[in-house]
Amino acid sequence: MKRQPNGIKKIKNKRFVFLGMTGGTSKPGRSIHIVGTKGEIQGDMEAGSYVIRHPDARKGHMYSEQQIKVGVSEDMHGGGDLLLVDDFVKVLKGAVPSISSTSLEKSLHGHFIGFAADQSRLDIYFVKRTIGSCLLNIR
């Protein structure tokens, strides 16, 4: 089996996904950048917005761009924490969990990634963890 670079995982239909986490930066923040064959989405959590770009083959053009404001800024989780608490309270009152709800097991897996990344940062080495069906190499 070929070894893939850190953070890259092959998923269905020959697609690849890369997750990069960087710590110790001068300006803390969270961003997302999704690139596909038909365009890209780039988001900035602190700005509370994301941009959708599509290639534009017309002469003199490179791409079209649409900025979307989400109404939440300077919230490191984009308002997600409040929505999770709201969803949790609704479930306690008997409502069906929303699509954003995860099992305790999946939530723990996500946190283990962060803990392993922090351990790797402190000890300056790769941390290998198997989480579900994923083998993660974190450095």
N, C-alpha and C. Protein backbone atom coordinates (compact mmCIF):
# COMPACT_ATOMS: atom_id res chain seq x y z
N MET A 1 0.84 -1.18 0.00
CA MET A 1 0.00 0.00 0.00
C MET A 1 0.88 1.24 0.00
N LYS A 2 0.56 2.19 -0.89
CA LYS A 2 1.30 3.44 -0.95
C LYS A 2 0.99 4.29 0.27
N ARG A 3 2.02 4.86 0.82
CA ARG A 3 1.81 5.76 1.96
C ARG A 3 1.43 7.13 1.45
N GLN A 4 0.35 7.68 1.98
CA GLN A 4 -0.12 8.99 1.55
C GLN A 4 0.41 10.06 2.49
N PRO A 5 0.61 11.28 1.98
CA PRO A 5 1.09 12.37 2.83
C PRO A 5 0.15 12.62 4.01
N ASN A 6 0.71 13.20 5.05
CA ASN A 6 -0.03 13.52 6.25
C ASN A 6 -1.31 14.30 5.95
N GLY A 7 -2.43 13.85 6.52
CA GLY A 7 -3.67 14.58 6.41
C GLY A 7 -4.48 14.29 5.17
N ILE A 8 -4.00 13.43 4.26
CA ILE A 8 -4.74 13.16 3.03
C ILE A 8 -5.40 11.80 3.13
N LYS A 9 -6.66 11.74 2.78
CA LYS A 9 -7.41 10.48 2.81
C LYS A 9 -8.16 10.33 1.51
N LYS A 10 -8.08 9.14 0.93
CA LYS A 10 -8.84 8.85 -0.28
C LYS A 10 -10.23 8.41 0.12
N ILE A 11 -11.24 9.00 -0.52
CA ILE A 11 -12.62 8.63 -0.24
C ILE A 11 -13.27 8.12 -1.51
N LYS A 12 -14.55 7.88 -1.47
CA LYS A 12 -15.28 7.31 -2.60
C LYS A 12 -15.02 8.04 -3.92
N ASN A 13 -15.19 7.33 -5.01
CA ASN A 13 -15.10 7.88 -6.36
C ASN A 13 -13.77 8.58 -6.64
N LYS A 14 -12.69 8.04 -6.08
CA LYS A 14 -11.33 8.55 -6.34
C LYS A 14 -11.16 10.01 -5.94
N ARG A 15 -11.87 10.45 -4.94
CA ARG A 15 -11.73 11.82 -4.44
C ARG A 15 -10.81 11.80 -3.24
N PHE A 16 -10.14 12.91 -3.03
CA PHE A 16 -9.24 13.04 -1.90
C PHE A 16 -9.67 14.21 -1.03
N VAL A 17 -9.43 14.09 0.25
CA VAL A 17 -9.72 15.17 1.17
C VAL A 17 -8.46 15.39 2.01
N PHE A 18 -8.17 16.64 2.30
CA PHE A 18 -7.01 17.01 3.10
C PHE A 18 -7.48 17.85 4.28
N LEU A 19 -7.03 17.50 5.46
CA LEU A 19 -7.33 18.28 6.65
C LEU A 19 -6.02 18.79 7.21
N GLY A 20 -5.88 20.08 7.28
CA GLY A 20 -4.68 20.67 7.85
C GLY A 20 -5.03 21.51 9.06
N MET A 21 -4.30 21.32 10.12
CA MET A 21 -4.50 22.13 11.33
C MET A 21 -3.15 22.74 11.67
N THR A 22 -3.14 24.06 11.89
CA THR A 22 -1.91 24.76 12.18
C THR A 22 -2.07 25.50 13.49
N GLY A 23 -1.11 25.36 14.37
CA GLY A 23 -1.16 26.05 15.65
C GLY A 23 0.03 26.99 15.81
N GLY A 24 -0.04 27.83 16.79
CA GLY A 24 1.07 28.73 17.09
C GLY A 24 1.21 29.86 16.07
N THR A 25 0.14 30.20 15.38
CA THR A 25 0.20 31.26 14.39
C THR A 25 0.07 32.63 15.07
N SER A 26 0.53 33.67 14.39
CA SER A 26 0.43 35.02 14.94
C SER A 26 -1.02 35.44 15.10
N LYS A 27 -1.85 35.12 14.10
CA LYS A 27 -3.26 35.50 14.13
C LYS A 27 -4.09 34.22 14.22
N PRO A 28 -4.73 33.97 15.36
CA PRO A 28 -5.55 32.77 15.46
C PRO A 28 -6.79 32.91 14.58
N GLY A 29 -7.28 31.79 14.12
CA GLY A 29 -8.49 31.83 13.31
C GLY A 29 -8.83 30.46 12.75
N ARG A 30 -10.00 30.42 12.14
CA ARG A 30 -10.47 29.19 11.50
C ARG A 30 -10.93 29.55 10.10
N SER A 31 -10.52 28.72 9.17
CA SER A 31 -10.95 28.94 7.80
C SER A 31 -11.17 27.60 7.13
N ILE A 32 -11.87 27.64 6.03
CA ILE A 32 -12.12 26.44 5.25
C ILE A 32 -11.94 26.80 3.78
N HIS A 33 -11.37 25.86 3.02
CA HIS A 33 -11.18 26.07 1.60
C HIS A 33 -11.46 24.73 0.91
N ILE A 34 -12.55 24.68 0.17
CA ILE A 34 -12.95 23.47 -0.54
C ILE A 34 -12.78 23.74 -2.03
N VAL A 35 -12.01 22.90 -2.70
CA VAL A 35 -11.75 23.07 -4.13
C VAL A 35 -12.29 21.86 -4.87
N GLY A 36 -13.05 22.11 -5.92
CA GLY A 36 -13.59 21.03 -6.74
C GLY A 36 -13.41 21.35 -8.21
N THR A 37 -13.89 20.48 -9.05
CA THR A 37 -13.72 20.66 -10.49
C THR A 37 -14.62 21.77 -11.04
N LYS A 38 -15.68 22.12 -10.33
CA LYS A 38 -16.61 23.14 -10.83
C LYS A 38 -16.50 24.47 -10.08
N GLY A 39 -15.57 24.56 -9.14
CA GLY A 39 -15.40 25.80 -8.41
C GLY A 39 -14.83 25.56 -7.04
N GLU A 40 -14.94 26.58 -6.20
CA GLU A 40 -14.39 26.48 -4.85
C GLU A 40 -15.22 27.30 -3.87
N ILE A 41 -15.09 26.93 -2.61
CA ILE A 41 -15.72 27.66 -1.51
C ILE A 41 -14.61 27.98 -0.53
N GLN A 42 -14.53 29.24 -0.12
CA GLN A 42 -13.52 29.65 0.85
C GLN A 42 -14.21 30.46 1.93
N GLY A 43 -14.05 30.02 3.17
CA GLY A 43 -14.73 30.68 4.28
C GLY A 43 -13.77 31.17 5.34
N ASP A 44 -14.17 32.24 6.01
CA ASP A 44 -13.40 32.84 7.10
C ASP A 44 -14.34 32.99 8.28
N MET A 45 -14.11 32.21 9.32
CA MET A 45 -15.01 32.22 10.47
C MET A 45 -15.06 33.57 11.19
N GLU A 46 -13.90 34.22 11.32
CA GLU A 46 -13.88 35.50 12.03
C GLU A 46 -14.62 36.59 11.26
N ALA A 47 -14.54 36.54 9.95
CA ALA A 47 -15.24 37.53 9.12
C ALA A 47 -16.73 37.22 9.02
N GLY A 48 -17.10 35.98 9.32
CA GLY A 48 -18.50 35.59 9.25
C GLY A 48 -19.01 35.53 7.82
N SER A 49 -18.15 35.08 6.91
CA SER A 49 -18.56 35.02 5.50
C SER A 49 -17.81 33.92 4.77
N TYR A 50 -18.34 33.58 3.60
CA TYR A 50 -17.63 32.68 2.70
C TYR A 50 -17.84 33.15 1.27
N VAL A 51 -16.96 32.72 0.39
CA VAL A 51 -16.98 33.13 -1.00
C VAL A 51 -17.12 31.88 -1.86
N ILE A 52 -18.00 31.96 -2.85
CA ILE A 52 -18.15 30.89 -3.84
C ILE A 52 -17.54 31.41 -5.14
N ARG A 53 -16.61 30.64 -5.69
CA ARG A 53 -15.96 31.03 -6.95
C ARG A 53 -16.17 29.94 -8.00
N HIS A 54 -16.43 30.37 -9.23
CA HIS A 54 -16.54 29.46 -10.38
C HIS A 54 -15.59 29.93 -11.47
N PRO A 55 -14.95 29.01 -12.17
CA PRO A 55 -14.11 29.41 -13.30
C PRO A 55 -14.97 30.13 -14.34
N ASP A 56 -14.40 31.14 -14.97
CA ASP A 56 -15.10 31.91 -16.00
C ASP A 56 -14.20 31.95 -17.24
N ALA A 57 -14.57 31.18 -18.27
CA ALA A 57 -13.74 31.02 -19.46
C ALA A 57 -13.87 32.17 -20.45
N ARG A 58 -14.70 33.16 -20.16
CA ARG A 58 -14.84 34.28 -21.08
C ARG A 58 -13.53 35.06 -21.17
N LYS A 59 -13.27 35.60 -22.32
CA LYS A 59 -12.05 36.36 -22.55
C LYS A 59 -11.98 37.52 -21.54
N GLY A 60 -10.82 37.65 -20.91
CA GLY A 60 -10.62 38.72 -19.94
C GLY A 60 -11.11 38.40 -18.54
N HIS A 61 -11.67 37.22 -18.34
CA HIS A 61 -12.18 36.82 -17.04
C HIS A 61 -11.42 35.58 -16.55
N MET A 62 -11.28 35.47 -15.25
CA MET A 62 -10.67 34.27 -14.68
C MET A 62 -11.69 33.46 -13.87
N TYR A 63 -12.53 34.18 -13.11
CA TYR A 63 -13.53 33.50 -12.28
C TYR A 63 -14.63 34.49 -11.91
N SER A 64 -15.78 33.93 -11.52
CA SER A 64 -16.85 34.74 -10.95
C SER A 64 -16.83 34.48 -9.45
N GLU A 65 -17.31 35.43 -8.69
CA GLU A 65 -17.21 35.33 -7.23
C GLU A 65 -18.48 35.88 -6.59
N GLN A 66 -18.98 35.16 -5.59
CA GLN A 66 -20.15 35.60 -4.84
C GLN A 66 -19.83 35.48 -3.36
N GLN A 67 -19.94 36.58 -2.62
CA GLN A 67 -19.68 36.55 -1.18
C GLN A 67 -20.99 36.39 -0.43
N ILE A 68 -20.99 35.49 0.54
CA ILE A 68 -22.16 35.20 1.36
C ILE A 68 -21.83 35.54 2.81
N LYS A 69 -22.62 36.40 3.43
CA LYS A 69 -22.47 36.71 4.86
C LYS A 69 -23.36 35.76 5.65
N VAL A 70 -22.83 35.19 6.71
CA VAL A 70 -23.61 34.24 7.50
C VAL A 70 -24.14 34.85 8.79
N GLY A 71 -23.81 36.10 9.06
CA GLY A 71 -24.38 36.78 10.22
C GLY A 71 -23.73 36.45 11.54
N VAL A 72 -22.64 35.69 11.52
CA VAL A 72 -21.92 35.38 12.74
C VAL A 72 -20.45 35.69 12.47
N SER A 73 -19.86 36.54 13.31
CA SER A 73 -18.44 36.81 13.15
C SER A 73 -17.76 36.84 14.51
N GLU A 74 -16.46 36.71 14.48
CA GLU A 74 -15.64 36.69 15.69
C GLU A 74 -16.12 35.65 16.69
N ASP A 75 -16.69 34.58 16.19
CA ASP A 75 -17.10 33.44 17.01
C ASP A 75 -16.34 32.25 16.45
N MET A 76 -15.39 31.73 17.21
CA MET A 76 -14.47 30.72 16.68
C MET A 76 -15.17 29.48 16.11
N HIS A 77 -16.41 29.25 16.45
CA HIS A 77 -17.13 28.11 15.89
C HIS A 77 -18.27 28.55 14.99
N GLY A 78 -18.26 29.79 14.55
CA GLY A 78 -19.26 30.28 13.61
C GLY A 78 -20.69 30.20 14.12
N GLY A 79 -20.87 30.30 15.42
CA GLY A 79 -22.21 30.20 16.01
C GLY A 79 -22.62 28.77 16.28
N GLY A 80 -21.77 27.82 15.91
CA GLY A 80 -22.10 26.40 16.07
C GLY A 80 -22.29 25.96 17.50
N ASP A 81 -21.53 26.54 18.42
CA ASP A 81 -21.67 26.15 19.83
C ASP A 81 -23.08 26.42 20.34
N LEU A 82 -23.59 27.61 20.02
CA LEU A 82 -24.95 27.95 20.48
C LEU A 82 -25.99 27.06 19.82
N LEU A 83 -25.79 26.73 18.55
CA LEU A 83 -26.73 25.85 17.86
C LEU A 83 -26.69 24.43 18.43
N LEU A 84 -25.49 23.96 18.82
CA LEU A 84 -25.39 22.63 19.43
C LEU A 84 -26.11 22.58 20.77
N VAL A 85 -25.95 23.63 21.57
CA VAL A 85 -26.64 23.69 22.86
C VAL A 85 -28.15 23.73 22.64
N ASP A 86 -28.59 24.54 21.68
CA ASP A 86 -30.01 24.63 21.36
C ASP A 86 -30.56 23.26 20.93
N ASP A 87 -29.81 22.57 20.07
CA ASP A 87 -30.23 21.24 19.62
C ASP A 87 -30.29 20.26 20.79
N PHE A 88 -29.30 20.31 21.67
CA PHE A 88 -29.24 19.43 22.83
C PHE A 88 -30.46 19.63 23.73
N VAL A 89 -30.82 20.88 23.99
CA VAL A 89 -31.99 21.19 24.84
C VAL A 89 -33.26 20.67 24.18
N LYS A 90 -33.38 20.84 22.86
CA LYS A 90 -34.56 20.35 22.14
C LYS A 90 -34.67 18.82 22.25
N VAL A 91 -33.54 18.12 22.14
CA VAL A 91 -33.55 16.65 22.26
C VAL A 91 -33.97 16.24 23.66
N LEU A 92 -33.47 16.96 24.68
CA LEU A 92 -33.87 16.66 26.05
C LEU A 92 -35.37 16.83 26.25
N LYS A 93 -35.97 17.73 25.46
CA LYS A 93 -37.42 17.96 25.55
C LYS A 93 -38.21 17.01 24.66
N GLY A 94 -37.51 16.07 23.99
CA GLY A 94 -38.19 15.05 23.20
C GLY A 94 -38.17 15.24 21.70
N ALA A 95 -37.52 16.29 21.20
CA ALA A 95 -37.46 16.51 19.75
C ALA A 95 -36.48 15.54 19.09
N VAL A 96 -36.64 15.37 17.80
CA VAL A 96 -35.72 14.53 17.02
C VAL A 96 -34.42 15.33 16.83
N PRO A 97 -33.25 14.68 17.02
CA PRO A 97 -31.99 15.39 16.82
C PRO A 97 -31.87 15.94 15.40
N SER A 98 -31.23 17.10 15.26
CA SER A 98 -31.03 17.69 13.94
C SER A 98 -29.94 16.93 13.20
N ILE A 99 -29.76 17.27 11.94
CA ILE A 99 -28.75 16.62 11.11
C ILE A 99 -27.34 16.87 11.63
N SER A 100 -27.15 17.95 12.40
CA SER A 100 -25.81 18.27 12.91
C SER A 100 -25.47 17.49 14.18
N SER A 101 -26.42 16.76 14.74
CA SER A 101 -26.15 15.96 15.93
C SER A 101 -25.27 14.77 15.59
N THR A 102 -24.34 14.48 16.48
CA THR A 102 -23.48 13.31 16.31
C THR A 102 -23.57 12.45 17.55
N SER A 103 -23.16 11.21 17.40
CA SER A 103 -23.13 10.32 18.56
C SER A 103 -21.97 10.74 19.46
N LEU A 104 -22.03 10.30 20.70
CA LEU A 104 -20.96 10.58 21.64
C LEU A 104 -19.65 10.01 21.10
N GLU A 105 -19.70 8.82 20.51
CA GLU A 105 -18.50 8.18 19.97
C GLU A 105 -17.85 9.05 18.89
N LYS A 106 -18.65 9.58 17.96
CA LYS A 106 -18.10 10.41 16.89
C LYS A 106 -17.55 11.73 17.44
N SER A 107 -18.22 12.29 18.42
CA SER A 107 -17.73 13.53 19.04
C SER A 107 -16.39 13.30 19.72
N LEU A 108 -16.27 12.17 20.42
CA LEU A 108 -15.00 11.85 21.08
C LEU A 108 -13.89 11.67 20.06
N HIS A 109 -14.19 11.01 18.94
CA HIS A 109 -13.18 10.82 17.89
C HIS A 109 -12.65 12.17 17.40
N GLY A 110 -13.54 13.11 17.18
CA GLY A 110 -13.12 14.44 16.73
C GLY A 110 -12.22 15.12 17.74
N HIS A 111 -12.52 14.97 19.01
CA HIS A 111 -11.69 15.58 20.04
C HIS A 111 -10.35 14.87 20.17
N PHE A 112 -10.32 13.54 19.97
CA PHE A 112 -9.06 12.81 20.03
C PHE A 112 -8.07 13.33 18.97
N ILE A 113 -8.59 13.73 17.82
CA ILE A 113 -7.72 14.30 16.78
C ILE A 113 -7.03 15.55 17.30
N GLY A 114 -7.80 16.41 17.94
CA GLY A 114 -7.22 17.64 18.50
C GLY A 114 -6.21 17.35 19.60
N PHE A 115 -6.52 16.39 20.47
CA PHE A 115 -5.59 16.03 21.54
C PHE A 115 -4.30 15.47 20.96
N ALA A 116 -4.41 14.62 19.94
CA ALA A 116 -3.23 14.04 19.31
C ALA A 116 -2.39 15.12 18.62
N ALA A 117 -3.05 16.09 18.00
CA ALA A 117 -2.33 17.19 17.35
C ALA A 117 -1.56 17.99 18.40
N ASP A 118 -2.19 18.24 19.54
CA ASP A 118 -1.52 18.99 20.60
C ASP A 118 -0.35 18.20 21.17
N GLN A 119 -0.53 16.89 21.35
CA GLN A 119 0.56 16.05 21.83
C GLN A 119 1.72 16.08 20.84
N SER A 120 1.42 15.99 19.56
CA SER A 120 2.43 16.05 18.52
C SER A 120 3.18 17.38 18.55
N ARG A 121 2.44 18.47 18.75
CA ARG A 121 3.06 19.81 18.81
C ARG A 121 4.03 19.90 19.97
N LEU A 122 3.63 19.40 21.12
CA LEU A 122 4.47 19.49 22.32
C LEU A 122 5.70 18.58 22.23
N ASP A 123 5.50 17.39 21.71
CA ASP A 123 6.57 16.39 21.68
C ASP A 123 7.34 16.36 20.36
N ILE A 124 6.90 17.13 19.39
CA ILE A 124 7.52 17.25 18.06
C ILE A 124 7.74 15.88 17.42
N TYR A 125 6.68 15.12 17.24
CA TYR A 125 6.74 13.87 16.51
C TYR A 125 5.37 13.54 15.95
N PHE A 126 5.34 12.57 15.06
CA PHE A 126 4.08 12.12 14.49
C PHE A 126 3.32 11.30 15.52
N VAL A 127 2.02 11.48 15.53
CA VAL A 127 1.14 10.69 16.38
C VAL A 127 0.25 9.89 15.46
N LYS A 128 0.26 8.58 15.59
CA LYS A 128 -0.61 7.73 14.77
C LYS A 128 -1.80 7.30 15.62
N ARG A 129 -2.98 7.48 15.07
CA ARG A 129 -4.20 7.08 15.74
C ARG A 129 -5.12 6.43 14.72
N THR A 130 -5.78 5.37 15.11
CA THR A 130 -6.80 4.79 14.29
C THR A 130 -8.13 5.19 14.91
N ILE A 131 -8.92 5.91 14.13
CA ILE A 131 -10.22 6.39 14.59
C ILE A 131 -11.24 5.87 13.61
N GLY A 132 -12.10 4.98 14.06
CA GLY A 132 -13.04 4.34 13.14
C GLY A 132 -12.27 3.59 12.08
N SER A 133 -12.53 3.91 10.82
CA SER A 133 -11.82 3.23 9.72
C SER A 133 -10.66 4.08 9.20
N CYS A 134 -10.34 5.18 9.86
CA CYS A 134 -9.30 6.11 9.39
C CYS A 134 -8.02 5.94 10.21
N LEU A 135 -6.89 5.86 9.51
CA LEU A 135 -5.58 5.91 10.17
C LEU A 135 -5.08 7.32 9.97
N LEU A 136 -4.84 8.02 11.06
CA LEU A 136 -4.38 9.41 11.00
C LEU A 136 -2.93 9.50 11.37
N ASN A 137 -2.17 10.25 10.60
CA ASN A 137 -0.80 10.60 10.93
C ASN A 137 -0.80 12.08 11.22
N ILE A 138 -0.61 12.45 12.47
CA ILE A 138 -0.70 13.84 12.86
C ILE A 138 0.69 14.32 13.27
N ARG A 139 1.08 15.46 12.70
CA ARG A 139 2.38 16.01 13.11
C ARG A 139 2.23 17.48 13.38
